[in-house]
Amino acid sequence: MLKLKSVKSFVWDKGNIDKNWIKHKVKNSECEQIFFNKPLLIFPDLAHSLKEKRLYALGKNKRGRKLFVSFTIRNEKIRIISARDQNKKERKEYEKA
């Protein structure tokens, strides 16, 4: 499990800014909230790290909605790639923490 170091803010790609809402009904603010709530589990996403290092996080928003968030870190900023509700396997792993 990885920890975030020296991350200062979030950046949203114009092409992805509405994608999570359209596909999974996840608001951008919900994606950001998981990084401030515990537990937060962060793992390397080796299957999708060919061009750049990607990570994924299992966390929850302020209302307790459990989310899976794929992201990368660029210039000390978190760039969200995608977000959705945790699946059954991910929820089980998250709830162990």
Protein backbone atom coordinates (compact mmCIF):
# COMPACT_ATOMS: atom_id res chain seq x y z
CA MET A 1 0.00 0.00 0.00
CA LEU A 2 1.33 3.45 -0.92
CA LYS A 3 0.96 6.78 0.82
CA LEU A 4 0.65 10.18 -0.81
CA LYS A 5 3.62 12.46 -0.36
CA SER A 6 3.87 16.14 -1.24
CA VAL A 7 0.54 16.28 -3.09
CA LYS A 8 -0.83 19.79 -2.97
CA SER A 9 -4.03 19.82 -5.02
CA PHE A 10 -6.21 18.23 -7.68
CA VAL A 11 -6.27 18.86 -11.41
CA TRP A 12 -9.08 17.83 -13.75
CA ASP A 13 -8.52 17.03 -17.41
CA LYS A 14 -11.10 18.78 -19.60
CA GLY A 15 -11.84 15.52 -21.41
CA ASN A 16 -12.58 13.67 -18.16
CA ILE A 17 -14.26 16.33 -16.07
CA ASP A 18 -17.81 15.00 -16.62
CA LYS A 19 -17.00 11.37 -17.47
CA ASN A 20 -17.38 9.96 -13.95
CA TRP A 21 -20.77 11.62 -13.50
CA ILE A 22 -22.06 10.47 -16.89
CA LYS A 23 -20.85 6.86 -16.55
CA HIS A 24 -21.12 6.18 -12.80
CA LYS A 25 -22.97 9.11 -11.18
CA VAL A 26 -19.86 10.06 -9.16
CA LYS A 27 -19.33 13.79 -8.62
CA ASN A 28 -15.83 15.26 -8.83
CA SER A 29 -16.13 16.49 -5.24
CA GLU A 30 -16.81 12.91 -4.09
CA CYS A 31 -13.58 11.77 -5.77
CA GLU A 32 -11.61 14.42 -3.92
CA GLN A 33 -13.29 13.68 -0.57
CA ILE A 34 -11.98 10.12 -0.36
CA PHE A 35 -8.41 11.42 -0.01
CA PHE A 36 -9.36 13.16 3.25
CA ASN A 37 -11.35 10.35 4.89
CA LYS A 38 -10.05 7.24 6.59
CA PRO A 39 -9.44 4.54 5.87
CA LEU A 40 -7.85 5.34 2.53
CA LEU A 41 -6.14 2.46 0.76
CA ILE A 42 -3.79 3.26 -2.14
CA PHE A 43 -2.24 0.69 -4.45
CA PRO A 44 -0.15 0.74 -7.62
CA ASP A 45 -2.17 0.03 -10.77
CA LEU A 46 0.41 -2.08 -12.59
CA ALA A 47 -1.95 -3.16 -15.36
CA HIS A 48 -2.49 0.45 -16.46
CA SER A 49 0.95 1.93 -15.79
CA LEU A 50 2.57 1.44 -19.17
CA LYS A 51 2.75 5.12 -20.19
CA GLU A 52 2.78 6.67 -16.71
CA LYS A 53 2.59 5.47 -13.13
CA ARG A 54 -1.04 5.00 -12.14
CA LEU A 55 -2.54 4.29 -8.76
CA TYR A 56 -5.93 3.40 -7.44
CA ALA A 57 -7.56 4.23 -4.16
CA LEU A 58 -10.33 2.64 -2.14
CA GLY A 59 -12.03 5.17 0.07
CA LYS A 60 -15.30 6.77 1.08
CA ASN A 61 -16.87 10.17 0.62
CA LYS A 62 -18.37 12.31 3.42
CA ARG A 63 -21.63 10.35 3.29
CA GLY A 64 -19.90 6.96 3.45
CA ARG A 65 -20.22 6.03 -0.25
CA LYS A 66 -17.39 3.61 -0.96
CA LEU A 67 -15.51 4.49 -4.13
CA PHE A 68 -12.77 3.12 -6.36
CA VAL A 69 -10.71 5.97 -7.84
CA SER A 70 -7.99 5.56 -10.47
CA PHE A 71 -5.50 8.43 -10.56
CA THR A 72 -2.00 9.61 -11.33
CA ILE A 73 0.18 12.27 -9.78
CA ARG A 74 1.54 15.03 -12.00
CA ASN A 75 3.50 18.01 -10.70
CA GLU A 76 2.37 17.44 -7.10
CA LYS A 77 -1.29 17.28 -8.18
CA ILE A 78 -3.69 14.36 -8.20
CA ARG A 79 -5.30 13.86 -11.61
CA ILE A 80 -8.38 11.64 -11.37
CA ILE A 81 -8.68 9.23 -14.29
CA SER A 82 -11.88 7.42 -13.35
CA ALA A 83 -14.15 6.76 -10.41
CA ARG A 84 -16.96 4.35 -9.61
CA ASP A 85 -18.56 2.51 -6.71
CA GLN A 86 -16.42 -0.23 -5.20
CA ASN A 87 -17.28 -3.72 -6.39
CA LYS A 88 -17.92 -6.59 -3.97
CA LYS A 89 -14.28 -7.72 -3.85
CA GLU A 90 -13.01 -4.16 -3.31
CA ARG A 91 -15.58 -3.50 -0.56
CA LYS A 92 -14.46 -6.63 1.25
CA GLU A 93 -10.81 -5.54 1.07
CA TYR A 94 -11.72 -2.01 2.16
CA GLU A 95 -13.81 -3.18 5.10
CA LYS A 96 -10.88 -5.24 6.42
CA ALA A 97 -9.01 -1.98 6.92
